[in-house]
Amino acid sequence: MATRTAIEKRARARAEYDAFLAACPSRQLLERISDKWVALILAALGRDGPDGDAGPQVMRYSELSRRLAGVSQKMLTQTLRSLERDGLLVRTVTPTVPVTVTYELTELGLSLHRLTRGIKVWAEAHMDEVHANRERYDAG
């Protein structure tokens, strides 16, 4: 029996990814990217906001924290670390006094931002309809 190289094994696994299967690693990625804080961090770094989509930007931790109302320091830190680990953003430390830490999207992160931006825009545009449907459902 011939042995497979690591590259061949990864290529075979990639061809067999099926998120409907419990053991598929793509499920972990889907779980991560469907998190609200991930979507909002991508939106913030992609510069989605009331002033329009002006393209990706570099942001300091404190800027992200202010932009994402309600996120705890622990949750923001954990989410940023997981996005960095997955290669969706880059963390840059500049040796200043105090140390400056910035975050920006990678090309992979930008490609995901383009997808999640549509979901964010849809949610904002249809929230009134959803509220009305919830009220009808709860009344009946």
C-alpha atoms as a PDB file:
ATOM      1  CA  MET A   1       0.000   0.000   0.000  1.00  0.00           C
ATOM      2  CA  ALA A   2       1.430   3.350  -1.019  1.00  0.00           C
ATOM      3  CA  THR A   3       1.778   6.033   1.612  1.00  0.00           C
ATOM      4  CA  ARG A   4       0.489   9.523   0.959  1.00  0.00           C
ATOM      5  CA  THR A   5       2.408  12.699   1.511  1.00  0.00           C
ATOM      6  CA  ALA A   6       1.014  15.370   3.814  1.00  0.00           C
ATOM      7  CA  ILE A   7       0.184  17.531   0.777  1.00  0.00           C
ATOM      8  CA  GLU A   8      -1.759  14.669  -0.831  1.00  0.00           C
ATOM      9  CA  LYS A   9      -3.650  14.047   2.420  1.00  0.00           C
ATOM     10  CA  ARG A  10      -4.599  17.735   2.735  1.00  0.00           C
ATOM     11  CA  ALA A  11      -5.691  17.856  -0.914  1.00  0.00           C
ATOM     12  CA  ARG A  12      -7.865  14.770  -0.441  1.00  0.00           C
ATOM     13  CA  ALA A  13      -9.395  16.166   2.761  1.00  0.00           C
ATOM     14  CA  ARG A  14     -10.060  19.507   1.033  1.00  0.00           C
ATOM     15  CA  ALA A  15     -11.911  17.720  -1.755  1.00  0.00           C
ATOM     16  CA  GLU A  16     -14.015  15.933   0.856  1.00  0.00           C
ATOM     17  CA  TYR A  17     -15.022  18.908   3.031  1.00  0.00           C
ATOM     18  CA  ASP A  18     -18.733  18.704   3.760  1.00  0.00           C
ATOM     19  CA  ALA A  19     -20.069  20.980   6.498  1.00  0.00           C
ATOM     20  CA  PHE A  20     -23.120  18.738   6.893  1.00  0.00           C
ATOM     21  CA  LEU A  21     -20.861  16.047   8.385  1.00  0.00           C
ATOM     22  CA  ALA A  22     -20.273  16.365  12.131  1.00  0.00           C
ATOM     23  CA  ALA A  23     -16.523  15.743  11.918  1.00  0.00           C
ATOM     24  CA  CYS A  24     -15.850  18.163   9.060  1.00  0.00           C
ATOM     25  CA  PRO A  25     -13.344  20.872  10.067  1.00  0.00           C
ATOM     26  CA  SER A  26     -15.241  23.454   8.030  1.00  0.00           C
ATOM     27  CA  ARG A  27     -17.906  23.370  10.765  1.00  0.00           C
ATOM     28  CA  GLN A  28     -15.454  24.944  13.192  1.00  0.00           C
ATOM     29  CA  LEU A  29     -14.726  27.682  10.696  1.00  0.00           C
ATOM     30  CA  LEU A  30     -18.447  28.266  10.070  1.00  0.00           C
ATOM     31  CA  GLU A  31     -19.004  28.520  13.813  1.00  0.00           C
ATOM     32  CA  ARG A  32     -16.215  31.076  14.135  1.00  0.00           C
ATOM     33  CA  ILE A  33     -17.245  33.295  11.228  1.00  0.00           C
ATOM     34  CA  SER A  34     -20.934  33.252  12.167  1.00  0.00           C
ATOM     35  CA  ASP A  35     -20.154  34.907  15.509  1.00  0.00           C
ATOM     36  CA  LYS A  36     -21.540  38.443  15.817  1.00  0.00           C
ATOM     37  CA  TRP A  37     -18.254  39.869  17.097  1.00  0.00           C
ATOM     38  CA  VAL A  38     -16.369  38.426  14.131  1.00  0.00           C
ATOM     39  CA  ALA A  39     -18.850  40.005  11.720  1.00  0.00           C
ATOM     40  CA  LEU A  40     -18.646  43.355  13.511  1.00  0.00           C
ATOM     41  CA  ILE A  41     -14.835  43.348  13.685  1.00  0.00           C
ATOM     42  CA  LEU A  42     -14.691  42.576   9.959  1.00  0.00           C
ATOM     43  CA  ALA A  43     -17.177  45.384   9.319  1.00  0.00           C
ATOM     44  CA  ALA A  44     -15.217  47.857  11.446  1.00  0.00           C
ATOM     45  CA  LEU A  45     -11.876  47.025   9.823  1.00  0.00           C
ATOM     46  CA  GLY A  46     -13.574  47.043   6.423  1.00  0.00           C
ATOM     47  CA  ARG A  47     -14.851  50.520   7.308  1.00  0.00           C
ATOM     48  CA  ASP A  48     -18.563  49.796   7.184  1.00  0.00           C
ATOM     49  CA  GLY A  49     -20.504  52.444   8.955  1.00  0.00           C
ATOM     50  CA  PRO A  50     -22.723  55.465   8.681  1.00  0.00           C
ATOM     51  CA  ASP A  51     -20.072  57.342   6.697  1.00  0.00           C
ATOM     52  CA  GLY A  52     -20.062  54.689   3.971  1.00  0.00           C
ATOM     53  CA  ASP A  53     -17.687  52.037   2.777  1.00  0.00           C
ATOM     54  CA  ALA A  54     -14.389  53.822   2.295  1.00  0.00           C
ATOM     55  CA  GLY A  55     -12.291  50.662   2.123  1.00  0.00           C
ATOM     56  CA  PRO A  56     -10.279  48.736   4.690  1.00  0.00           C
ATOM     57  CA  GLN A  57      -8.532  50.528   7.502  1.00  0.00           C
ATOM     58  CA  VAL A  58      -5.987  49.949  10.221  1.00  0.00           C
ATOM     59  CA  MET A  59      -7.392  50.317  13.737  1.00  0.00           C
ATOM     60  CA  ARG A  60      -5.944  50.317  17.216  1.00  0.00           C
ATOM     61  CA  TYR A  61      -7.402  48.045  19.878  1.00  0.00           C
ATOM     62  CA  SER A  62      -8.946  51.008  21.685  1.00  0.00           C
ATOM     63  CA  GLU A  63     -10.618  52.215  18.476  1.00  0.00           C
ATOM     64  CA  LEU A  64     -12.118  48.783  17.880  1.00  0.00           C
ATOM     65  CA  SER A  65     -13.302  48.629  21.477  1.00  0.00           C
ATOM     66  CA  ARG A  66     -15.079  51.989  21.163  1.00  0.00           C
ATOM     67  CA  ARG A  67     -16.564  51.109  17.766  1.00  0.00           C
ATOM     68  CA  LEU A  68     -18.007  47.789  18.989  1.00  0.00           C
ATOM     69  CA  ALA A  69     -20.387  48.944  21.699  1.00  0.00           C
ATOM     70  CA  GLY A  70     -21.015  46.244  24.286  1.00  0.00           C
ATOM     71  CA  VAL A  71     -18.025  44.001  23.598  1.00  0.00           C
ATOM     72  CA  SER A  72     -16.036  43.047  26.686  1.00  0.00           C
ATOM     73  CA  GLN A  73     -12.258  43.365  26.720  1.00  0.00           C
ATOM     74  CA  LYS A  74     -11.968  39.587  27.105  1.00  0.00           C
ATOM     75  CA  MET A  75     -14.282  38.841  24.175  1.00  0.00           C
ATOM     76  CA  LEU A  76     -12.600  41.391  21.903  1.00  0.00           C
ATOM     77  CA  THR A  77      -9.148  40.022  22.739  1.00  0.00           C
ATOM     78  CA  GLN A  78     -10.222  36.393  22.191  1.00  0.00           C
ATOM     79  CA  THR A  79     -11.936  37.205  18.913  1.00  0.00           C
ATOM     80  CA  LEU A  80      -8.989  39.204  17.579  1.00  0.00           C
ATOM     81  CA  ARG A  81      -6.610  36.374  18.488  1.00  0.00           C
ATOM     82  CA  SER A  82      -8.770  33.785  16.737  1.00  0.00           C
ATOM     83  CA  LEU A  83      -9.020  35.953  13.612  1.00  0.00           C
ATOM     84  CA  GLU A  84      -5.258  36.429  13.629  1.00  0.00           C
ATOM     85  CA  ARG A  85      -4.733  32.679  14.053  1.00  0.00           C
ATOM     86  CA  ASP A  86      -7.005  31.977  11.080  1.00  0.00           C
ATOM     87  CA  GLY A  87      -5.109  34.487   8.954  1.00  0.00           C
ATOM     88  CA  LEU A  88      -8.044  36.894   8.605  1.00  0.00           C
ATOM     89  CA  LEU A  89      -6.264  39.848  10.180  1.00  0.00           C
ATOM     90  CA  VAL A  90      -2.763  40.994  11.006  1.00  0.00           C
ATOM     91  CA  ARG A  91      -1.735  42.352  14.392  1.00  0.00           C
ATOM     92  CA  THR A  92       1.151  44.823  14.287  1.00  0.00           C
ATOM     93  CA  VAL A  93       3.017  45.919  17.405  1.00  0.00           C
ATOM     94  CA  THR A  94       4.983  49.174  17.154  1.00  0.00           C
ATOM     95  CA  PRO A  95       7.539  49.808  19.923  1.00  0.00           C
ATOM     96  CA  THR A  96       6.422  53.269  21.007  1.00  0.00           C
ATOM     97  CA  VAL A  97       5.685  54.603  24.490  1.00  0.00           C
ATOM     98  CA  PRO A  98       3.133  53.273  25.153  1.00  0.00           C
ATOM     99  CA  VAL A  99       3.284  50.348  22.723  1.00  0.00           C
ATOM    100  CA  THR A 100       0.960  50.772  19.730  1.00  0.00           C
ATOM    101  CA  VAL A 101      -0.979  47.704  18.572  1.00  0.00           C
ATOM    102  CA  THR A 102      -2.971  47.867  15.348  1.00  0.00           C
ATOM    103  CA  TYR A 103      -5.127  45.442  13.409  1.00  0.00           C
ATOM    104  CA  GLU A 104      -5.924  45.214   9.718  1.00  0.00           C
ATOM    105  CA  LEU A 105      -7.608  42.713   7.436  1.00  0.00           C
ATOM    106  CA  THR A 106      -5.566  40.374   5.257  1.00  0.00           C
ATOM    107  CA  GLU A 107      -6.665  39.540   1.705  1.00  0.00           C
ATOM    108  CA  LEU A 108      -8.396  36.475   3.152  1.00  0.00           C
ATOM    109  CA  GLY A 109     -10.125  38.662   5.729  1.00  0.00           C
ATOM    110  CA  LEU A 110     -11.184  41.140   3.041  1.00  0.00           C
ATOM    111  CA  SER A 111     -12.741  38.336   1.008  1.00  0.00           C
ATOM    112  CA  LEU A 112     -14.785  37.261   4.047  1.00  0.00           C
ATOM    113  CA  HIS A 113     -15.662  40.894   4.829  1.00  0.00           C
ATOM    114  CA  ARG A 114     -17.195  41.266   1.373  1.00  0.00           C
ATOM    115  CA  LEU A 115     -19.539  38.368   2.157  1.00  0.00           C
ATOM    116  CA  THR A 116     -20.448  39.303   5.720  1.00  0.00           C
ATOM    117  CA  ARG A 117     -21.028  42.944   4.795  1.00  0.00           C
ATOM    118  CA  GLY A 118     -24.089  41.881   2.798  1.00  0.00           C
ATOM    119  CA  ILE A 119     -25.550  40.086   5.807  1.00  0.00           C
ATOM    120  CA  LYS A 120     -24.973  43.142   8.029  1.00  0.00           C
ATOM    121  CA  VAL A 121     -26.605  45.441   5.472  1.00  0.00           C
ATOM    122  CA  TRP A 122     -29.543  43.028   5.097  1.00  0.00           C
ATOM    123  CA  ALA A 123     -30.053  42.865   8.888  1.00  0.00           C
ATOM    124  CA  GLU A 124     -30.059  46.657   9.181  1.00  0.00           C
ATOM    125  CA  ALA A 125     -32.457  47.059   6.232  1.00  0.00           C
ATOM    126  CA  HIS A 126     -34.970  44.410   7.387  1.00  0.00           C
ATOM    127  CA  MET A 127     -34.992  44.862  11.169  1.00  0.00           C
ATOM    128  CA  ASP A 128     -38.374  46.664  11.149  1.00  0.00           C
ATOM    129  CA  GLU A 129     -39.970  43.776   9.243  1.00  0.00           C
ATOM    130  CA  VAL A 130     -38.484  41.245  11.643  1.00  0.00           C
ATOM    131  CA  HIS A 131     -39.766  43.210  14.645  1.00  0.00           C
ATOM    132  CA  ALA A 132     -43.262  43.340  13.116  1.00  0.00           C
ATOM    133  CA  ASN A 133     -43.192  39.592  12.427  1.00  0.00           C
ATOM    134  CA  ARG A 134     -42.081  38.854  15.971  1.00  0.00           C
ATOM    135  CA  GLU A 135     -44.882  40.964  17.394  1.00  0.00           C
ATOM    136  CA  ARG A 136     -47.461  39.168  15.211  1.00  0.00           C
ATOM    137  CA  TYR A 137     -46.060  35.772  16.161  1.00  0.00           C
ATOM    138  CA  ASP A 138     -45.965  36.565  19.889  1.00  0.00           C
ATOM    139  CA  ALA A 139     -49.536  37.948  19.805  1.00  0.00           C
ATOM    140  CA  GLY A 140     -50.963  34.866  18.111  1.00  0.00           C
END
